[in-house]
Amino acid sequence: MTTRSDVELRVPADTAYVAVLRTTTAGLAARLDFTLDDIEDLRIAVGEACAMVLEQARADGDLHATFDLGSGELSVTVSADADAASEPDTDGFAWQVLTALTTRASAEVTPDAVGITLSMKSALLD
């Protein structure tokens, strides 16, 4: 049995579509009663993750996003089709932003895709 995400989106691998993913993230976080600060942190983190995967994206590829909703937790995975995917720079400023704004951040690379998963728990659960 395969696990299915609660929400899945696929858009062209182009920076013009990052706003769609950021807005979807904000809407889903609001449904989980995240604070306004948490929602904005997630929006920023998703934008950074998209920028990181789009650096390696194929021009004719897709940007994929999956959203898993838990009890007071939201996990977002953004990935892009890539020809020669490599690990994102986890020592760079963008990765520091991701880890500062979220509860967890991780990267996954396959020969034809690069992805970043972000998770955040609601501050209201602390």
Protein backbone atom coordinates (compact mmCIF):
# COMPACT_ATOMS: atom_id res chain seq x y z
CA MET A 1 0.00 0.00 0.00
CA THR A 2 1.42 3.38 -0.97
CA THR A 3 1.13 6.46 1.17
CA ARG A 4 -0.76 9.28 -0.43
CA SER A 5 -0.26 12.93 0.42
CA ASP A 6 -3.20 15.04 1.51
CA VAL A 7 -2.59 17.64 -1.23
CA GLU A 8 -0.45 17.40 -4.35
CA LEU A 9 0.37 20.08 -6.92
CA ARG A 10 2.37 20.01 -10.11
CA VAL A 11 3.29 23.21 -11.94
CA PRO A 12 5.90 24.08 -14.57
CA ALA A 13 9.43 24.39 -13.18
CA ASP A 14 9.45 28.17 -13.43
CA THR A 15 9.83 30.81 -10.73
CA ALA A 16 6.54 32.36 -11.85
CA TYR A 17 4.70 29.46 -10.18
CA VAL A 18 6.41 29.62 -6.78
CA ALA A 19 3.73 32.05 -5.57
CA VAL A 20 1.11 29.33 -6.13
CA LEU A 21 2.98 26.98 -3.81
CA ARG A 22 3.56 29.68 -1.20
CA THR A 23 -0.13 30.61 -1.20
CA THR A 24 -1.20 26.97 -0.94
CA THR A 25 1.17 26.52 2.00
CA ALA A 26 -0.33 29.54 3.77
CA GLY A 27 -3.88 28.35 3.21
CA LEU A 28 -3.19 24.86 4.53
CA ALA A 29 -1.28 26.17 7.55
CA ALA A 30 -4.20 28.48 8.34
CA ARG A 31 -6.56 25.48 8.24
CA LEU A 32 -4.35 23.86 10.89
CA ASP A 33 -4.66 27.01 13.05
CA PHE A 34 -0.99 27.98 12.76
CA THR A 35 -0.12 31.43 14.08
CA LEU A 36 0.36 34.24 11.57
CA ASP A 37 4.11 34.18 12.31
CA ASP A 38 4.30 30.43 11.65
CA ILE A 39 2.36 30.83 8.41
CA GLU A 40 4.73 33.53 7.20
CA ASP A 41 7.78 31.47 8.22
CA LEU A 42 6.46 28.52 6.21
CA ARG A 43 5.74 30.73 3.19
CA ILE A 44 9.31 32.03 3.27
CA ALA A 45 10.76 28.54 3.76
CA VAL A 46 8.76 27.11 0.85
CA GLY A 47 9.98 29.97 -1.36
CA GLU A 48 13.60 29.24 -0.40
CA ALA A 49 13.16 25.49 -0.96
CA CYS A 50 11.65 26.14 -4.38
CA ALA A 51 14.56 28.41 -5.31
CA MET A 52 17.02 25.70 -4.31
CA VAL A 53 15.38 22.95 -6.35
CA LEU A 54 14.68 25.20 -9.32
CA GLU A 55 18.44 25.85 -9.66
CA GLN A 56 18.73 22.25 -10.84
CA ALA A 57 15.39 21.86 -12.61
CA ARG A 58 15.09 20.87 -16.25
CA ALA A 59 13.74 23.72 -18.35
CA ASP A 60 10.87 21.55 -19.59
CA GLY A 61 10.37 19.82 -16.22
CA ASP A 62 7.84 20.16 -13.47
CA LEU A 63 7.91 21.47 -9.93
CA HIS A 64 6.07 19.09 -7.62
CA ALA A 65 4.70 19.86 -4.18
CA THR A 66 3.10 17.52 -1.69
CA PHE A 67 1.51 18.60 1.55
CA ASP A 68 0.91 16.26 4.48
CA LEU A 69 -1.34 17.58 7.21
CA GLY A 70 -1.11 16.20 10.73
CA SER A 71 -2.46 17.24 14.06
CA GLY A 72 -0.85 20.66 14.37
CA GLU A 73 1.91 19.79 11.88
CA LEU A 74 2.40 20.48 8.20
CA SER A 75 5.03 18.82 6.02
CA VAL A 76 5.77 20.19 2.57
CA THR A 77 7.96 18.49 -0.02
CA VAL A 78 9.01 20.42 -3.10
CA SER A 79 10.88 18.63 -5.85
CA ALA A 80 11.85 19.26 -9.43
CA ASP A 81 12.76 17.10 -12.39
CA ALA A 82 16.51 17.36 -13.00
CA ASP A 83 19.02 15.82 -15.40
CA ALA A 84 22.02 15.53 -13.08
CA ALA A 85 20.66 16.24 -9.61
CA SER A 86 23.05 16.90 -6.76
CA GLU A 87 22.65 17.52 -3.05
CA PRO A 88 21.61 21.07 -2.19
CA ASP A 89 24.24 23.15 -0.38
CA THR A 90 23.41 22.50 3.28
CA ASP A 91 26.16 24.89 4.40
CA GLY A 92 24.76 27.88 2.54
CA PHE A 93 22.57 30.75 3.68
CA ALA A 94 19.39 29.37 2.05
CA TRP A 95 19.68 26.12 4.03
CA GLN A 96 20.25 28.08 7.23
CA VAL A 97 17.02 29.96 6.52
CA LEU A 98 15.16 26.67 6.03
CA THR A 99 16.39 25.16 9.27
CA ALA A 100 15.77 28.36 11.23
CA LEU A 101 12.19 28.75 10.03
CA THR A 102 11.01 25.14 10.26
CA THR A 103 10.99 22.29 12.73
CA ARG A 104 12.79 19.96 10.30
CA ALA A 105 14.35 20.21 6.86
CA SER A 106 15.84 17.45 4.73
CA ALA A 107 16.90 16.91 1.14
CA GLU A 108 16.55 13.91 -1.14
CA VAL A 109 18.28 13.45 -4.46
CA THR A 110 17.65 10.81 -7.10
CA PRO A 111 19.32 10.64 -10.51
CA ASP A 112 16.41 12.53 -12.09
CA ALA A 113 15.03 14.73 -9.30
CA VAL A 114 15.96 16.86 -6.32
CA GLY A 115 13.61 17.48 -3.43
CA ILE A 116 13.44 19.26 -0.09
CA THR A 117 11.04 18.39 2.72
CA LEU A 118 10.08 20.94 5.36
CA SER A 119 8.04 20.25 8.46
CA MET A 120 6.64 22.62 11.02
CA LYS A 121 4.67 22.09 14.17
CA SER A 122 2.28 24.77 15.27
CA ALA A 123 3.62 27.09 17.97
CA LEU A 124 0.27 26.63 19.67
CA LEU A 125 1.31 23.07 20.58
CA ASP A 126 4.36 24.23 22.57
